[in-house]
């Protein structure tokens, strides 16, 4: 049997970035990225894709009931929101003179910190 290597996904979207949803039920809405799961290819965005979770009382949640929380979205369904143009944009990687690699917006050509 040959070795099966599961390739981890690559993404330029990071936790804390502001993204806009480009496909699906939440299309057109934007929010801040709370978490990124590259293995599953998912991102969780603040106040988007809200689901209702029915939970029983336990040690963690003293009171049960219907809790609302964010569900992950496919990373392919979100795009980075350029801080300059306020439009969805792709990102590139650029190496600075001091050797640092930084992300930049392809629309405005501005460096993203």
PDB file of N, CA and C in Angstrom:
ATOM      1  N   UNK A   1       0.836  -1.189   0.000  1.00  0.00           N
ATOM      2  CA  UNK A   1       0.000   0.000   0.000  1.00  0.00           C
ATOM      3  C   UNK A   1       0.874   1.243   0.000  1.00  0.00           C
ATOM      4  N   UNK A   2       0.507   2.205  -0.818  1.00  0.00           N
ATOM      5  CA  UNK A   2       1.243   3.463  -0.858  1.00  0.00           C
ATOM      6  C   UNK A   2       0.807   4.382   0.271  1.00  0.00           C
ATOM      7  N   UNK A   3       1.688   5.259   0.634  1.00  0.00           N
ATOM      8  CA  UNK A   3       1.349   6.227   1.675  1.00  0.00           C
ATOM      9  C   UNK A   3       0.375   7.258   1.128  1.00  0.00           C
ATOM     10  N   UNK A   4      -0.666   7.499   1.873  1.00  0.00           N
ATOM     11  CA  UNK A   4      -1.649   8.503   1.489  1.00  0.00           C
ATOM     12  C   UNK A   4      -1.375   9.750   2.316  1.00  0.00           C
ATOM     13  N   UNK A   5      -1.087  10.826   1.637  1.00  0.00           N
ATOM     14  CA  UNK A   5      -0.796  12.086   2.324  1.00  0.00           C
ATOM     15  C   UNK A   5      -1.985  13.013   2.131  1.00  0.00           C
ATOM     16  N   UNK A   6      -2.560  13.435   3.245  1.00  0.00           N
ATOM     17  CA  UNK A   6      -3.670  14.372   3.166  1.00  0.00           C
ATOM     18  C   UNK A   6      -3.097  15.781   3.161  1.00  0.00           C
ATOM     19  N   UNK A   7      -3.266  16.448   2.040  1.00  0.00           N
ATOM     20  CA  UNK A   7      -2.728  17.804   1.911  1.00  0.00           C
ATOM     21  C   UNK A   7      -3.585  18.775   2.688  1.00  0.00           C
ATOM     22  N   UNK A   8      -2.948  19.551   3.550  1.00  0.00           N
ATOM     23  CA  UNK A   8      -3.671  20.598   4.267  1.00  0.00           C
ATOM     24  C   UNK A   8      -3.896  21.755   3.319  1.00  0.00           C
ATOM     25  N   UNK A   9      -5.054  22.349   3.413  1.00  0.00           N
ATOM     26  CA  UNK A   9      -5.380  23.466   2.531  1.00  0.00           C
ATOM     27  C   UNK A   9      -4.525  24.680   2.817  1.00  0.00           C
ATOM     28  N   UNK A  10      -4.438  25.550   1.847  1.00  0.00           N
ATOM     29  CA  UNK A  10      -3.725  26.808   2.026  1.00  0.00           C
ATOM     30  C   UNK A  10      -4.729  27.931   1.871  1.00  0.00           C
ATOM     31  N   UNK A  11      -4.538  28.968   2.657  1.00  0.00           N
ATOM     32  CA  UNK A  11      -5.426  30.114   2.558  1.00  0.00           C
ATOM     33  C   UNK A  11      -4.699  31.352   3.038  1.00  0.00           C
ATOM     34  N   UNK A  12      -5.018  32.480   2.444  1.00  0.00           N
ATOM     35  CA  UNK A  12      -4.423  33.736   2.886  1.00  0.00           C
ATOM     36  C   UNK A  12      -5.335  34.438   3.883  1.00  0.00           C
ATOM     37  N   UNK A  13      -6.499  33.862   4.138  1.00  0.00           N
ATOM     38  CA  UNK A  13      -7.425  34.443   5.115  1.00  0.00           C
ATOM     39  C   UNK A  13      -7.004  33.982   6.500  1.00  0.00           C
ATOM     40  N   UNK A  14      -6.926  34.927   7.420  1.00  0.00           N
ATOM     41  CA  UNK A  14      -6.494  34.630   8.783  1.00  0.00           C
ATOM     42  C   UNK A  14      -7.540  35.091   9.787  1.00  0.00           C
ATOM     43  N   UNK A  15      -7.387  34.615  11.008  1.00  0.00           N
ATOM     44  CA  UNK A  15      -8.246  35.024  12.110  1.00  0.00           C
ATOM     45  C   UNK A  15      -8.110  36.533  12.297  1.00  0.00           C
ATOM     46  N   UNK A  16      -9.241  37.225  12.431  1.00  0.00           N
ATOM     47  CA  UNK A  16      -9.229  38.678  12.635  1.00  0.00           C
ATOM     48  C   UNK A  16      -9.462  39.469  11.365  1.00  0.00           C
ATOM     49  N   UNK A  17      -9.332  38.836  10.186  1.00  0.00           N
ATOM     50  CA  UNK A  17      -9.589  39.525   8.926  1.00  0.00           C
ATOM     51  C   UNK A  17     -11.082  39.814   8.766  1.00  0.00           C
ATOM     52  N   UNK A  18     -11.404  40.856   8.035  1.00  0.00           N
ATOM     53  CA  UNK A  18     -12.791  41.133   7.682  1.00  0.00           C
ATOM     54  C   UNK A  18     -13.043  40.545   6.304  1.00  0.00           C
ATOM     55  N   UNK A  19     -14.090  39.719   6.213  1.00  0.00           N
ATOM     56  CA  UNK A  19     -14.396  39.048   4.953  1.00  0.00           C
ATOM     57  C   UNK A  19     -15.842  39.323   4.564  1.00  0.00           C
ATOM     58  N   UNK A  20     -16.142  39.117   3.283  1.00  0.00           N
ATOM     59  CA  UNK A  20     -17.499  39.244   2.781  1.00  0.00           C
ATOM     60  C   UNK A  20     -17.873  37.891   2.166  1.00  0.00           C
ATOM     61  N   UNK A  21     -19.117  37.457   2.401  1.00  0.00           N
ATOM     62  CA  UNK A  21     -19.588  36.176   1.873  1.00  0.00           C
ATOM     63  C   UNK A  21     -20.014  36.385   0.423  1.00  0.00           C
ATOM     64  N   UNK A  22     -19.495  35.556  -0.481  1.00  0.00           N
ATOM     65  CA  UNK A  22     -19.775  35.726  -1.912  1.00  0.00           C
ATOM     66  C   UNK A  22     -20.728  34.679  -2.453  1.00  0.00           C
ATOM     67  N   UNK A  23     -21.090  33.669  -1.653  1.00  0.00           N
ATOM     68  CA  UNK A  23     -22.007  32.631  -2.125  1.00  0.00           C
ATOM     69  C   UNK A  23     -22.771  32.047  -0.952  1.00  0.00           C
ATOM     70  N   UNK A  24     -23.980  31.601  -1.226  1.00  0.00           N
ATOM     71  CA  UNK A  24     -24.775  30.945  -0.195  1.00  0.00           C
ATOM     72  C   UNK A  24     -25.835  31.857   0.400  1.00  0.00           C
ATOM     73  N   UNK A  25     -26.431  31.361   1.463  1.00  0.00           N
ATOM     74  CA  UNK A  25     -27.551  32.039   2.110  1.00  0.00           C
ATOM     75  C   UNK A  25     -27.170  33.408   2.677  1.00  0.00           C
ATOM     76  N   UNK A  26     -25.931  33.567   3.096  1.00  0.00           N
ATOM     77  CA  UNK A  26     -25.469  34.809   3.725  1.00  0.00           C
ATOM     78  C   UNK A  26     -24.763  35.740   2.739  1.00  0.00           C
ATOM     79  N   UNK A  27     -24.949  35.532   1.428  1.00  0.00           N
ATOM     80  CA  UNK A  27     -24.252  36.306   0.396  1.00  0.00           C
ATOM     81  C   UNK A  27     -24.431  37.810   0.597  1.00  0.00           C
ATOM     82  N   UNK A  28     -23.321  38.556   0.482  1.00  0.00           N
ATOM     83  CA  UNK A  28     -23.362  40.007   0.597  1.00  0.00           C
ATOM     84  C   UNK A  28     -23.069  40.531   1.992  1.00  0.00           C
ATOM     85  N   UNK A  29     -23.136  39.673   3.006  1.00  0.00           N
ATOM     86  CA  UNK A  29     -22.890  40.110   4.378  1.00  0.00           C
ATOM     87  C   UNK A  29     -21.398  40.005   4.687  1.00  0.00           C
ATOM     88  N   UNK A  30     -20.943  40.819   5.626  1.00  0.00           N
ATOM     89  CA  UNK A  30     -19.529  40.780   5.991  1.00  0.00           C
ATOM     90  C   UNK A  30     -19.381  40.681   7.496  1.00  0.00           C
ATOM     91  N   UNK A  31     -18.210  40.234   7.928  1.00  0.00           N
ATOM     92  CA  UNK A  31     -17.928  40.098   9.347  1.00  0.00           C
ATOM     93  C   UNK A  31     -16.477  39.732   9.577  1.00  0.00           C
ATOM     94  N   UNK A  32     -16.118  39.630  10.858  1.00  0.00           N
ATOM     95  CA  UNK A  32     -14.747  39.331  11.254  1.00  0.00           C
ATOM     96  C   UNK A  32     -14.574  37.821  11.406  1.00  0.00           C
ATOM     97  N   UNK A  33     -13.438  37.295  10.948  1.00  0.00           N
ATOM     98  CA  UNK A  33     -13.159  35.861  11.042  1.00  0.00           C
ATOM     99  C   UNK A  33     -12.800  35.518  12.490  1.00  0.00           C
ATOM    100  N   UNK A  34     -13.530  34.542  13.055  1.00  0.00           N
ATOM    101  CA  UNK A  34     -13.266  34.102  14.423  1.00  0.00           C
ATOM    102  C   UNK A  34     -12.287  32.944  14.460  1.00  0.00           C
ATOM    103  N   UNK A  35     -12.389  32.032  13.470  1.00  0.00           N
ATOM    104  CA  UNK A  35     -11.475  30.898  13.419  1.00  0.00           C
ATOM    105  C   UNK A  35     -11.352  30.388  11.996  1.00  0.00           C
ATOM    106  N   UNK A  36     -10.213  29.741  11.709  1.00  0.00           N
ATOM    107  CA  UNK A  36      -9.949  29.166  10.394  1.00  0.00           C
ATOM    108  C   UNK A  36      -9.529  27.720  10.608  1.00  0.00           C
ATOM    109  N   UNK A  37     -10.191  26.785   9.906  1.00  0.00           N
ATOM    110  CA  UNK A  37      -9.846  25.367   9.951  1.00  0.00           C
ATOM    111  C   UNK A  37      -9.392  24.960   8.555  1.00  0.00           C
ATOM    112  N   UNK A  38      -8.076  24.962   8.324  1.00  0.00           N
ATOM    113  CA  UNK A  38      -7.552  24.678   6.994  1.00  0.00           C
ATOM    114  C   UNK A  38      -7.750  23.218   6.596  1.00  0.00           C
ATOM    115  N   UNK A  39      -7.701  22.319   7.558  1.00  0.00           N
ATOM    116  CA  UNK A  39      -7.891  20.899   7.261  1.00  0.00           C
ATOM    117  C   UNK A  39      -9.257  20.625   6.665  1.00  0.00           C
ATOM    118  N   UNK A  40     -10.290  21.285   7.207  1.00  0.00           N
ATOM    119  CA  UNK A  40     -11.654  21.097   6.716  1.00  0.00           C
ATOM    120  C   UNK A  40     -12.020  22.136   5.665  1.00  0.00           C
ATOM    121  N   UNK A  41     -11.193  23.165   5.502  1.00  0.00           N
ATOM    122  CA  UNK A  41     -11.482  24.219   4.535  1.00  0.00           C
ATOM    123  C   UNK A  41     -12.655  25.085   4.957  1.00  0.00           C
ATOM    124  N   UNK A  42     -12.723  25.402   6.255  1.00  0.00           N
ATOM    125  CA  UNK A  42     -13.853  26.163   6.801  1.00  0.00           C
ATOM    126  C   UNK A  42     -13.371  27.389   7.561  1.00  0.00           C
ATOM    127  N   UNK A  43     -14.217  28.418   7.597  1.00  0.00           N
ATOM    128  CA  UNK A  43     -13.986  29.599   8.430  1.00  0.00           C
ATOM    129  C   UNK A  43     -15.262  29.891   9.208  1.00  0.00           C
ATOM    130  N   UNK A  44     -15.105  30.416  10.415  1.00  0.00           N
ATOM    131  CA  UNK A  44     -16.240  30.844  11.217  1.00  0.00           C
ATOM    132  C   UNK A  44     -16.207  32.359  11.243  1.00  0.00           C
ATOM    133  N   UNK A  45     -17.323  32.979  10.845  1.00  0.00           N
ATOM    134  CA  UNK A  45     -17.396  34.435  10.752  1.00  0.00           C
ATOM    135  C   UNK A  45     -18.374  34.945  11.804  1.00  0.00           C
ATOM    136  N   UNK A  46     -17.990  36.024  12.473  1.00  0.00           N
ATOM    137  CA  UNK A  46     -18.775  36.607  13.552  1.00  0.00           C
ATOM    138  C   UNK A  46     -20.167  37.025  13.072  1.00  0.00           C
ATOM    139  N   UNK A  47     -21.196  36.554  13.777  1.00  0.00           N
ATOM    140  CA  UNK A  47     -22.605  36.907  13.544  1.00  0.00           C
ATOM    141  C   UNK A  47     -23.125  36.499  12.162  1.00  0.00           C
ATOM    142  N   UNK A  48     -22.506  35.502  11.527  1.00  0.00           N
ATOM    143  CA  UNK A  48     -22.993  34.992  10.239  1.00  0.00           C
ATOM    144  C   UNK A  48     -23.185  33.488  10.320  1.00  0.00           C
ATOM    145  N   UNK A  49     -24.111  32.970   9.517  1.00  0.00           N
ATOM    146  CA  UNK A  49     -24.428  31.542   9.463  1.00  0.00           C
ATOM    147  C   UNK A  49     -24.836  31.027  10.846  1.00  0.00           C
ATOM    148  N   UNK A  50     -25.771  31.729  11.479  1.00  0.00           N
ATOM    149  CA  UNK A  50     -26.230  31.392  12.830  1.00  0.00           C
ATOM    150  C   UNK A  50     -27.105  30.141  12.776  1.00  0.00           C
ATOM    151  N   UNK A  51     -26.811  29.179  13.682  1.00  0.00           N
ATOM    152  CA  UNK A  51     -27.623  27.969  13.802  1.00  0.00           C
ATOM    153  C   UNK A  51     -28.160  27.886  15.218  1.00  0.00           C
ATOM    154  N   UNK A  52     -29.211  27.102  15.383  1.00  0.00           N
ATOM    155  CA  UNK A  52     -29.788  26.891  16.708  1.00  0.00           C
ATOM    156  C   UNK A  52     -29.400  25.500  17.176  1.00  0.00           C
ATOM    157  N   UNK A  53     -28.793  25.432  18.365  1.00  0.00           N
ATOM    158  CA  UNK A  53     -28.328  24.175  18.921  1.00  0.00           C
ATOM    159  C   UNK A  53     -29.165  23.856  20.160  1.00  0.00           C
ATOM    160  N   UNK A  54     -29.852  22.723  20.160  1.00  0.00           N
ATOM    161  CA  UNK A  54     -30.656  22.315  21.305  1.00  0.00           C
ATOM    162  C   UNK A  54     -29.748  21.569  22.279  1.00  0.00           C
ATOM    163  N   UNK A  55     -29.598  22.092  23.498  1.00  0.00           N
ATOM    164  CA  UNK A  55     -28.669  21.491  24.454  1.00  0.00           C
ATOM    165  C   UNK A  55     -29.362  21.165  25.765  1.00  0.00           C
ATOM    166  N   UNK A  56     -28.889  20.088  26.370  1.00  0.00           N
ATOM    167  CA  UNK A  56     -29.366  19.708  27.697  1.00  0.00           C
ATOM    168  C   UNK A  56     -28.498  20.419  28.730  1.00  0.00           C
ATOM    169  N   UNK A  57     -29.022  20.628  29.934  1.00  0.00           N
ATOM    170  CA  UNK A  57     -28.189  21.220  30.984  1.00  0.00           C
ATOM    171  C   UNK A  57     -27.024  20.278  31.319  1.00  0.00           C
ATOM    172  N   UNK A  58     -25.827  20.839  31.503  1.00  0.00           N
ATOM    173  CA  UNK A  58     -24.664  20.050  31.910  1.00  0.00           C
ATOM    174  C   UNK A  58     -23.710  20.952  32.683  1.00  0.00           C
ATOM    175  N   UNK A  59     -22.515  20.457  32.986  1.00  0.00           N
ATOM    176  CA  UNK A  59     -21.557  21.247  33.774  1.00  0.00           C
ATOM    177  C   UNK A  59     -21.180  22.551  33.076  1.00  0.00           C
ATOM    178  N   UNK A  60     -21.023  22.497  31.771  1.00  0.00           N
ATOM    179  CA  UNK A  60     -20.600  23.682  31.027  1.00  0.00           C
ATOM    180  C   UNK A  60     -21.742  24.687  30.879  1.00  0.00           C
ATOM    181  N   UNK A  61     -22.894  24.195  30.434  1.00  0.00           N
ATOM    182  CA  UNK A  61     -24.071  25.051  30.274  1.00  0.00           C
ATOM    183  C   UNK A  61     -25.069  24.661  31.367  1.00  0.00           C
ATOM    184  N   UNK A  62     -25.084  25.436  32.438  1.00  0.00           N
ATOM    185  CA  UNK A  62     -25.942  25.103  33.586  1.00  0.00           C
ATOM    186  C   UNK A  62     -27.412  25.045  33.176  1.00  0.00           C
ATOM    187  N   UNK A  63     -27.798  25.974  32.300  1.00  0.00           N
ATOM    188  CA  UNK A  63     -29.177  25.992  31.845  1.00  0.00           C
ATOM    189  C   UNK A  63     -29.209  25.529  30.392  1.00  0.00           C
ATOM    190  N   UNK A  64     -30.040  24.539  30.124  1.00  0.00           N
ATOM    191  CA  UNK A  64     -30.167  24.031  28.761  1.00  0.00           C
ATOM    192  C   UNK A  64     -31.054  24.942  27.941  1.00  0.00           C
ATOM    193  N   UNK A  65     -31.461  24.467  26.779  1.00  0.00           N
ATOM    194  CA  UNK A  65     -32.351  25.245  25.937  1.00  0.00           C
ATOM    195  C   UNK A  65     -31.814  25.350  24.531  1.00  0.00           C
ATOM    196  N   UNK A  66     -32.329  26.317  23.810  1.00  0.00           N
ATOM    197  CA  UNK A  66     -31.929  26.513  22.421  1.00  0.00           C
ATOM    198  C   UNK A  66     -30.901  27.633  22.379  1.00  0.00           C
ATOM    199  N   UNK A  67     -29.668  27.271  22.039  1.00  0.00           N
ATOM    200  CA  UNK A  67     -28.581  28.244  21.975  1.00  0.00           C
ATOM    201  C   UNK A  67     -28.285  28.569  20.517  1.00  0.00           C
ATOM    202  N   UNK A  68     -28.001  29.828  20.247  1.00  0.00           N
ATOM    203  CA  UNK A  68     -27.648  30.236  18.885  1.00  0.00           C
ATOM    204  C   UNK A  68     -26.141  30.457  18.821  1.00  0.00           C
ATOM    205  N   UNK A  69     -25.515  29.922  17.763  1.00  0.00           N
ATOM    206  CA  UNK A  69     -24.080  30.128  17.591  1.00  0.00           C
ATOM    207  C   UNK A  69     -23.724  30.102  16.113  1.00  0.00           C
ATOM    208  N   UNK A  70     -22.497  30.568  15.804  1.00  0.00           N
ATOM    209  CA  UNK A  70     -22.049  30.612  14.417  1.00  0.00           C
ATOM    210  C   UNK A  70     -21.602  29.227  13.971  1.00  0.00           C
ATOM    211  N   UNK A  71     -21.986  28.860  12.762  1.00  0.00           N
ATOM    212  CA  UNK A  71     -21.522  27.613  12.152  1.00  0.00           C
ATOM    213  C   UNK A  71     -20.462  27.970  11.111  1.00  0.00           C
ATOM    214  N   UNK A  72     -19.541  27.043  10.834  1.00  0.00           N
ATOM    215  CA  UNK A  72     -18.492  27.331   9.846  1.00  0.00           C
ATOM    216  C   UNK A  72     -19.045  27.464   8.429  1.00  0.00           C
ATOM    217  N   UNK A  73     -18.389  28.296   7.632  1.00  0.00           N
ATOM    218  CA  UNK A  73     -18.683  28.463   6.208  1.00  0.00           C
ATOM    219  C   UNK A  73     -17.515  27.882   5.416  1.00  0.00           C
ATOM    220  N   UNK A  74     -17.767  27.476   4.185  1.00  0.00           N
ATOM    221  CA  UNK A  74     -16.679  27.024   3.318  1.00  0.00           C
ATOM    222  C   UNK A  74     -15.775  28.216   3.014  1.00  0.00           C
ATOM    223  N   UNK A  75     -14.481  27.980   3.074  1.00  0.00           N
ATOM    224  CA  UNK A  75     -13.518  29.068   2.865  1.00  0.00           C
ATOM    225  C   UNK A  75     -13.602  29.616   1.447  1.00  0.00           C
ATOM    226  N   UNK A  76     -14.085  28.793   0.514  1.00  0.00           N
ATOM    227  CA  UNK A  76     -14.218  29.244  -0.874  1.00  0.00           C
ATOM    228  C   UNK A  76     -15.378  30.208  -1.055  1.00  0.00           C
ATOM    229  N   UNK A  77     -16.263  30.293  -0.065  1.00  0.00           N
ATOM    230  CA  UNK A  77     -17.434  31.160  -0.158  1.00  0.00           C
ATOM    231  C   UNK A  77     -17.210  32.535   0.463  1.00  0.00           C
ATOM    232  N   UNK A  78     -15.992  32.821   0.915  1.00  0.00           N
ATOM    233  CA  UNK A  78     -15.702  34.136   1.486  1.00  0.00           C
ATOM    234  C   UNK A  78     -14.503  34.754   0.773  1.00  0.00           C
ATOM    235  N   UNK A  79     -14.487  36.091   0.712  1.00  0.00           N
ATOM    236  CA  UNK A  79     -13.364  36.832   0.140  1.00  0.00           C
ATOM    237  C   UNK A  79     -12.960  37.927   1.099  1.00  0.00           C
ATOM    238  N   UNK A  80     -11.684  38.241   1.102  1.00  0.00           N
ATOM    239  CA  UNK A  80     -11.146  39.299   1.940  1.00  0.00           C
ATOM    240  C   UNK A  80     -11.752  40.640   1.522  1.00  0.00           C
ATOM    241  N   UNK A  81     -12.109  41.468   2.501  1.00  0.00           N
ATOM    242  CA  UNK A  81     -12.668  42.786   2.225  1.00  0.00           C
ATOM    243  C   UNK A  81     -11.539  43.807   2.319  1.00  0.00           C
ATOM    244  N   UNK A  82     -11.211  44.443   1.189  1.00  0.00           N
ATOM    245  CA  UNK A  82     -10.110  45.409   1.127  1.00  0.00           C
ATOM    246  C   UNK A  82     -10.437  46.608   2.025  1.00  0.00           C
ATOM    247  N   UNK A  83      -9.538  46.969   2.951  1.00  0.00           N
ATOM    248  CA  UNK A  83      -9.819  48.090   3.850  1.00  0.00           C
ATOM    249  C   UNK A  83      -9.834  49.448   3.135  1.00  0.00           C
ATOM    250  N   UNK A  84      -9.201  49.545   1.974  1.00  0.00           N
ATOM    251  CA  UNK A  84      -9.129  50.815   1.254  1.00  0.00           C
ATOM    252  C   UNK A  84     -10.365  51.010   0.373  1.00  0.00           C
ATOM    253  N   UNK A  85     -10.663  50.017  -0.478  1.00  0.00           N
ATOM    254  CA  UNK A  85     -11.764  50.150  -1.438  1.00  0.00           C
ATOM    255  C   UNK A  85     -13.100  49.661  -0.895  1.00  0.00           C
ATOM    256  N   UNK A  86     -13.084  48.932   0.233  1.00  0.00           N
ATOM    257  CA  UNK A  86     -14.292  48.338   0.824  1.00  0.00           C
ATOM    258  C   UNK A  86     -14.996  47.400  -0.161  1.00  0.00           C
ATOM    259  N   UNK A  87     -14.212  46.685  -0.978  1.00  0.00           N
ATOM    260  CA  UNK A  87     -14.741  45.712  -1.932  1.00  0.00           C
ATOM    261  C   UNK A  87     -14.015  44.389  -1.744  1.00  0.00           C
ATOM    262  N   UNK A  88     -14.668  43.276  -2.102  1.00  0.00           N
ATOM    263  CA  UNK A  88     -13.981  41.979  -2.010  1.00  0.00           C
ATOM    264  C   UNK A  88     -12.788  41.951  -2.959  1.00  0.00           C
ATOM    265  N   UNK A  89     -11.692  41.384  -2.493  1.00  0.00           N
ATOM    266  CA  UNK A  89     -10.481  41.350  -3.309  1.00  0.00           C
ATOM    267  C   UNK A  89      -9.694  40.076  -3.047  1.00  0.00           C
ATOM    268  N   UNK A  90      -8.846  39.732  -3.999  1.00  0.00           N
ATOM    269  CA  UNK A  90      -7.905  38.641  -3.784  1.00  0.00           C
ATOM    270  C   UNK A  90      -6.671  39.224  -3.115  1.00  0.00           C
ATOM    271  N   UNK A  91      -5.858  38.339  -2.534  1.00  0.00           N
ATOM    272  CA  UNK A  91      -4.648  38.779  -1.863  1.00  0.00           C
ATOM    273  C   UNK A  91      -3.442  38.118  -2.492  1.00  0.00           C
ATOM    274  N   UNK A  92      -2.321  38.811  -2.446  1.00  0.00           N
ATOM    275  CA  UNK A  92      -1.061  38.262  -2.911  1.00  0.00           C
ATOM    276  C   UNK A  92      -0.043  38.331  -1.802  1.00  0.00           C
ATOM    277  N   UNK A  93       1.116  37.710  -2.028  1.00  0.00           N
ATOM    278  CA  UNK A  93       2.211  37.747  -1.069  1.00  0.00           C
ATOM    279  C   UNK A  93       3.365  38.495  -1.722  1.00  0.00           C
ATOM    280  N   UNK A  94       3.960  39.392  -0.973  1.00  0.00           N
ATOM    281  CA  UNK A  94       5.067  40.193  -1.480  1.00  0.00           C
ATOM    282  C   UNK A  94       6.192  40.151  -0.446  1.00  0.00           C
ATOM    283  N   UNK A  95       7.428  40.060  -0.903  1.00  0.00           N
ATOM    284  CA  UNK A  95       8.577  40.071  -0.009  1.00  0.00           C
ATOM    285  C   UNK A  95       9.146  41.482   0.044  1.00  0.00           C
ATOM    286  N   UNK A  96       9.269  42.005   1.254  1.00  0.00           N
ATOM    287  CA  UNK A  96       9.806  43.355   1.443  1.00  0.00           C
ATOM    288  C   UNK A  96      11.332  43.334   1.412  1.00  0.00           C
ATOM    289  N   UNK A  97      11.946  44.507   1.388  1.00  0.00           N
ATOM    290  CA  UNK A  97      13.403  44.633   1.328  1.00  0.00           C
ATOM    291  C   UNK A  97      14.083  43.996   2.535  1.00  0.00           C
ATOM    292  N   UNK A  98      13.414  44.039   3.699  1.00  0.00           N
ATOM    293  CA  UNK A  98      14.027  43.463   4.901  1.00  0.00           C
ATOM    294  C   UNK A  98      13.795  41.959   5.019  1.00  0.00           C
ATOM    295  N   UNK A  99      13.181  41.352   3.998  1.00  0.00           N
ATOM    296  CA  UNK A  99      13.005  39.898   3.974  1.00  0.00           C
ATOM    297  C   UNK A  99      11.665  39.412   4.493  1.00  0.00           C
ATOM    298  N   UNK A 100      10.855  40.312   5.041  1.00  0.00           N
ATOM    299  CA  UNK A 100       9.536  39.906   5.544  1.00  0.00           C
ATOM    300  C   UNK A 100       8.591  39.650   4.381  1.00  0.00           C
ATOM    301  N   UNK A 101       7.717  38.646   4.546  1.00  0.00           N
ATOM    302  CA  UNK A 101       6.682  38.374   3.558  1.00  0.00           C
ATOM    303  C   UNK A 101       5.373  38.950   4.084  1.00  0.00           C
ATOM    304  N   UNK A 102       4.721  39.769   3.298  1.00  0.00           N
ATOM    305  CA  UNK A 102       3.478  40.411   3.725  1.00  0.00           C
ATOM    306  C   UNK A 102       2.394  40.172   2.683  1.00  0.00           C
ATOM    307  N   UNK A 103       1.152  40.234   3.138  1.00  0.00           N
ATOM    308  CA  UNK A 103       0.015  40.104   2.225  1.00  0.00           C
ATOM    309  C   UNK A 103      -0.315  41.484   1.662  1.00  0.00           C
ATOM    310  N   UNK A 104      -0.852  41.503   0.437  1.00  0.00           N
ATOM    311  CA  UNK A 104      -1.292  42.765  -0.122  1.00  0.00           C
ATOM    312  C   UNK A 104      -2.574  42.556  -0.909  1.00  0.00           C
ATOM    313  N   UNK A 105      -3.366  43.627  -0.998  1.00  0.00           N
ATOM    314  CA  UNK A 105      -4.628  43.601  -1.727  1.00  0.00           C
ATOM    315  C   UNK A 105      -4.356  43.771  -3.213  1.00  0.00           C
ATOM    316  N   UNK A 106      -4.930  42.899  -4.035  1.00  0.00           N
ATOM    317  CA  UNK A 106      -4.705  42.980  -5.476  1.00  0.00           C
ATOM    318  C   UNK A 106      -5.472  44.150  -6.087  1.00  0.00           C
ATOM    319  N   UNK A 107      -6.566  44.585  -5.449  1.00  0.00           N
ATOM    320  CA  UNK A 107      -7.349  45.695  -5.977  1.00  0.00           C
ATOM    321  C   UNK A 107      -6.679  47.041  -5.745  1.00  0.00           C
ATOM    322  N   UNK A 108      -6.229  47.267  -4.486  1.00  0.00           N
ATOM    323  CA  UNK A 108      -5.675  48.575  -4.149  1.00  0.00           C
ATOM    324  C   UNK A 108      -4.148  48.572  -4.081  1.00  0.00           C
ATOM    325  N   UNK A 109      -3.527  47.385  -4.149  1.00  0.00           N
ATOM    326  CA  UNK A 109      -2.086  47.224  -4.087  1.00  0.00           C
ATOM    327  C   UNK A 109      -1.509  47.685  -2.746  1.00  0.00           C
ATOM    328  N   UNK A 110      -2.358  47.729  -1.700  1.00  0.00           N
ATOM    329  CA  UNK A 110      -1.936  48.161  -0.365  1.00  0.00           C
ATOM    330  C   UNK A 110      -1.503  46.952   0.457  1.00  0.00           C
ATOM    331  N   UNK A 111      -0.497  47.142   1.308  1.00  0.00           N
ATOM    332  CA  UNK A 111      -0.027  46.086   2.211  1.00  0.00           C
ATOM    333  C   UNK A 111      -1.035  45.901   3.326  1.00  0.00           C
ATOM    334  N   UNK A 112      -1.285  44.632   3.689  1.00  0.00           N
ATOM    335  CA  UNK A 112      -2.223  44.289   4.749  1.00  0.00           C
ATOM    336  C   UNK A 112      -1.424  43.812   5.959  1.00  0.00           C
ATOM    337  N   UNK A 113      -1.603  44.496   7.077  1.00  0.00           N
ATOM    338  CA  UNK A 113      -0.863  44.124   8.297  1.00  0.00           C
ATOM    339  C   UNK A 113      -1.672  43.198   9.163  1.00  0.00           C
TER     340      UNK A 113
END
